[in-house]
Amino acid sequence: MLDSKLETLLTVYEKKNFTRAAEALALTQPAVSHHISQLEQELGVKIFSRTKGEMKLTAEGEIVLKYAKRIKALYE
């Protein structure tokens, strides 16, 4: 089973929005934010930069996303 935080990351990236990701995952928006914060703490990197309503992956976030996709593919 794919780690819930990685699944959340992939969904946030796909939906480009925490609220829409929360809806897709049947979670609350604060839960999605918490998953991303936990992942950032565990990895010691900032995954998303959030400025003026726009959300972008950081350089480190790009790497985390690449590995999250690989991990998901292995599970499938």
N, C-alpha and C. Protein backbone atom coordinates (compact mmCIF):
# COMPACT_ATOMS: atom_id res chain seq x y z
N MET A 1 0.84 -1.19 0.00
CA MET A 1 0.00 0.00 0.00
C MET A 1 0.89 1.25 0.00
N LEU A 2 0.57 2.18 -0.87
CA LEU A 2 1.32 3.42 -0.99
C LEU A 2 1.10 4.27 0.26
N ASP A 3 2.15 4.84 0.78
CA ASP A 3 2.06 5.71 1.95
C ASP A 3 1.06 6.84 1.66
N SER A 4 0.20 7.11 2.64
CA SER A 4 -0.85 8.11 2.44
C SER A 4 -0.30 9.49 2.15
N LYS A 5 0.86 9.81 2.72
CA LYS A 5 1.44 11.13 2.46
C LYS A 5 1.91 11.25 1.01
N LEU A 6 2.45 10.17 0.47
CA LEU A 6 2.87 10.20 -0.94
C LEU A 6 1.67 10.27 -1.87
N GLU A 7 0.61 9.54 -1.51
CA GLU A 7 -0.62 9.60 -2.30
C GLU A 7 -1.19 11.02 -2.28
N THR A 8 -1.13 11.65 -1.12
CA THR A 8 -1.60 13.03 -1.00
C THR A 8 -0.75 13.96 -1.86
N LEU A 9 0.56 13.79 -1.81
CA LEU A 9 1.45 14.62 -2.64
C LEU A 9 1.10 14.48 -4.12
N LEU A 10 0.95 13.26 -4.58
CA LEU A 10 0.63 13.04 -5.99
C LEU A 10 -0.71 13.67 -6.38
N THR A 11 -1.67 13.59 -5.48
CA THR A 11 -2.99 14.16 -5.77
C THR A 11 -2.95 15.68 -5.76
N VAL A 12 -2.22 16.26 -4.81
CA VAL A 12 -2.09 17.72 -4.77
C VAL A 12 -1.41 18.20 -6.05
N TYR A 13 -0.38 17.50 -6.48
CA TYR A 13 0.30 17.89 -7.72
C TYR A 13 -0.65 17.79 -8.92
N GLU A 14 -1.41 16.71 -8.98
CA GLU A 14 -2.34 16.51 -10.09
C GLU A 14 -3.44 17.57 -10.11
N LYS A 15 -3.99 17.87 -8.94
CA LYS A 15 -5.12 18.81 -8.85
C LYS A 15 -4.68 20.27 -8.77
N LYS A 16 -3.38 20.49 -8.47
CA LYS A 16 -2.83 21.85 -8.36
C LYS A 16 -3.51 22.69 -7.29
N ASN A 17 -4.09 22.01 -6.29
CA ASN A 17 -4.86 22.72 -5.28
C ASN A 17 -5.10 21.79 -4.10
N PHE A 18 -4.89 22.30 -2.88
CA PHE A 18 -5.09 21.48 -1.69
C PHE A 18 -6.56 21.13 -1.47
N THR A 19 -7.45 22.07 -1.73
CA THR A 19 -8.88 21.83 -1.51
C THR A 19 -9.40 20.77 -2.48
N ARG A 20 -9.06 20.89 -3.75
CA ARG A 20 -9.51 19.89 -4.72
C ARG A 20 -8.89 18.53 -4.45
N ALA A 21 -7.65 18.52 -3.99
CA ALA A 21 -7.01 17.25 -3.62
C ALA A 21 -7.74 16.63 -2.44
N ALA A 22 -8.12 17.44 -1.47
CA ALA A 22 -8.84 16.94 -0.30
C ALA A 22 -10.15 16.31 -0.73
N GLU A 23 -10.86 16.95 -1.63
CA GLU A 23 -12.12 16.39 -2.13
C GLU A 23 -11.89 15.06 -2.83
N ALA A 24 -10.86 14.97 -3.64
CA ALA A 24 -10.57 13.74 -4.38
C ALA A 24 -10.17 12.60 -3.44
N LEU A 25 -9.53 12.95 -2.33
CA LEU A 25 -9.06 11.94 -1.38
C LEU A 25 -10.05 11.68 -0.24
N ALA A 26 -11.16 12.41 -0.24
CA ALA A 26 -12.16 12.33 0.84
C ALA A 26 -11.53 12.67 2.18
N LEU A 27 -10.72 13.73 2.18
CA LEU A 27 -10.09 14.25 3.39
C LEU A 27 -10.49 15.70 3.56
N THR A 28 -10.14 16.26 4.70
CA THR A 28 -10.33 17.70 4.87
C THR A 28 -9.09 18.41 4.34
N GLN A 29 -9.24 19.68 4.02
CA GLN A 29 -8.10 20.45 3.53
C GLN A 29 -7.00 20.53 4.59
N PRO A 30 -7.34 20.72 5.88
CA PRO A 30 -6.27 20.71 6.88
C PRO A 30 -5.52 19.38 6.95
N ALA A 31 -6.21 18.28 6.71
CA ALA A 31 -5.54 16.96 6.71
C ALA A 31 -4.53 16.87 5.56
N VAL A 32 -4.91 17.39 4.40
CA VAL A 32 -4.00 17.39 3.26
C VAL A 32 -2.77 18.26 3.58
N SER A 33 -3.00 19.43 4.13
CA SER A 33 -1.90 20.31 4.52
C SER A 33 -0.99 19.62 5.53
N HIS A 34 -1.59 18.91 6.46
CA HIS A 34 -0.82 18.20 7.49
C HIS A 34 0.03 17.09 6.85
N HIS A 35 -0.53 16.34 5.91
CA HIS A 35 0.24 15.30 5.22
C HIS A 35 1.47 15.90 4.53
N ILE A 36 1.27 17.01 3.84
CA ILE A 36 2.38 17.64 3.12
C ILE A 36 3.41 18.17 4.11
N SER A 37 2.95 18.78 5.20
CA SER A 37 3.87 19.28 6.22
C SER A 37 4.67 18.15 6.84
N GLN A 38 4.01 17.03 7.13
CA GLN A 38 4.71 15.87 7.69
C GLN A 38 5.77 15.36 6.72
N LEU A 39 5.41 15.27 5.46
CA LEU A 39 6.36 14.80 4.45
C LEU A 39 7.56 15.75 4.35
N GLU A 40 7.29 17.05 4.38
CA GLU A 40 8.37 18.04 4.33
C GLU A 40 9.29 17.89 5.55
N GLN A 41 8.70 17.66 6.72
CA GLN A 41 9.51 17.50 7.93
C GLN A 41 10.34 16.22 7.86
N GLU A 42 9.72 15.13 7.43
CA GLU A 42 10.42 13.85 7.34
C GLU A 42 11.61 13.92 6.38
N LEU A 43 11.42 14.63 5.27
CA LEU A 43 12.45 14.70 4.24
C LEU A 43 13.40 15.88 4.43
N GLY A 44 13.00 16.83 5.26
CA GLY A 44 13.84 18.00 5.51
C GLY A 44 13.93 18.96 4.34
N VAL A 45 12.88 18.98 3.52
CA VAL A 45 12.85 19.88 2.36
C VAL A 45 11.48 20.53 2.25
N LYS A 46 11.45 21.65 1.57
CA LYS A 46 10.19 22.31 1.23
C LYS A 46 9.76 21.75 -0.12
N ILE A 47 8.52 21.24 -0.21
CA ILE A 47 8.07 20.60 -1.45
C ILE A 47 7.38 21.59 -2.37
N PHE A 48 6.51 22.43 -1.81
CA PHE A 48 5.78 23.41 -2.61
C PHE A 48 6.15 24.82 -2.16
N SER A 49 6.22 25.74 -3.11
CA SER A 49 6.29 27.16 -2.76
C SER A 49 4.92 27.73 -3.08
N ARG A 50 4.36 28.41 -2.12
CA ARG A 50 3.02 28.94 -2.28
C ARG A 50 3.09 30.47 -2.24
N THR A 51 2.79 31.09 -3.37
CA THR A 51 2.81 32.55 -3.44
C THR A 51 1.61 33.05 -4.21
N LYS A 52 0.91 33.97 -3.62
CA LYS A 52 -0.22 34.64 -4.27
C LYS A 52 -1.17 33.67 -4.97
N GLY A 53 -1.59 32.65 -4.25
CA GLY A 53 -2.55 31.71 -4.81
C GLY A 53 -1.98 30.73 -5.81
N GLU A 54 -0.69 30.85 -6.10
CA GLU A 54 -0.05 29.94 -7.06
C GLU A 54 0.81 28.95 -6.28
N MET A 55 0.74 27.70 -6.69
CA MET A 55 1.49 26.66 -6.02
C MET A 55 2.43 26.01 -7.03
N LYS A 56 3.72 26.01 -6.70
CA LYS A 56 4.72 25.42 -7.58
C LYS A 56 5.58 24.46 -6.77
N LEU A 57 6.08 23.43 -7.44
CA LEU A 57 7.05 22.55 -6.81
C LEU A 57 8.39 23.26 -6.71
N THR A 58 9.06 23.07 -5.59
CA THR A 58 10.43 23.55 -5.47
C THR A 58 11.33 22.56 -6.23
N ALA A 59 12.59 22.89 -6.34
CA ALA A 59 13.54 21.96 -7.00
C ALA A 59 13.56 20.63 -6.24
N GLU A 60 13.56 20.70 -4.91
CA GLU A 60 13.52 19.49 -4.10
C GLU A 60 12.20 18.76 -4.27
N GLY A 61 11.12 19.54 -4.39
CA GLY A 61 9.80 18.96 -4.60
C GLY A 61 9.72 18.17 -5.89
N GLU A 62 10.39 18.65 -6.92
CA GLU A 62 10.44 17.93 -8.20
C GLU A 62 11.07 16.56 -8.01
N ILE A 63 12.13 16.50 -7.22
CA ILE A 63 12.80 15.23 -6.96
C ILE A 63 11.90 14.30 -6.15
N VAL A 64 11.27 14.85 -5.12
CA VAL A 64 10.36 14.04 -4.28
C VAL A 64 9.22 13.50 -5.14
N LEU A 65 8.67 14.33 -6.00
CA LEU A 65 7.58 13.91 -6.87
C LEU A 65 8.02 12.78 -7.80
N LYS A 66 9.21 12.91 -8.36
CA LYS A 66 9.74 11.88 -9.26
C LYS A 66 9.82 10.53 -8.56
N TYR A 67 10.32 10.54 -7.33
CA TYR A 67 10.43 9.28 -6.58
C TYR A 67 9.07 8.78 -6.12
N ALA A 68 8.16 9.68 -5.78
CA ALA A 68 6.81 9.27 -5.39
C ALA A 68 6.11 8.56 -6.55
N LYS A 69 6.30 9.07 -7.76
CA LYS A 69 5.74 8.43 -8.95
C LYS A 69 6.34 7.05 -9.17
N ARG A 70 7.64 6.93 -8.95
CA ARG A 70 8.30 5.64 -9.10
C ARG A 70 7.79 4.63 -8.08
N ILE A 71 7.65 5.08 -6.85
CA ILE A 71 7.16 4.21 -5.78
C ILE A 71 5.74 3.74 -6.10
N LYS A 72 4.91 4.67 -6.56
CA LYS A 72 3.53 4.29 -6.91
C LYS A 72 3.53 3.25 -8.04
N ALA A 73 4.38 3.46 -9.02
CA ALA A 73 4.46 2.52 -10.14
C ALA A 73 4.88 1.12 -9.66
N LEU A 74 5.77 1.07 -8.71
CA LEU A 74 6.19 -0.22 -8.17
C LEU A 74 5.04 -0.93 -7.46
N TYR A 75 4.22 -0.17 -6.75
CA TYR A 75 3.07 -0.75 -6.07
C TYR A 75 2.03 -1.26 -7.05
N GLU A 76 1.93 -0.59 -8.18
CA GLU A 76 0.93 -0.99 -9.17
C GLU A 76 1.40 -2.22 -9.92
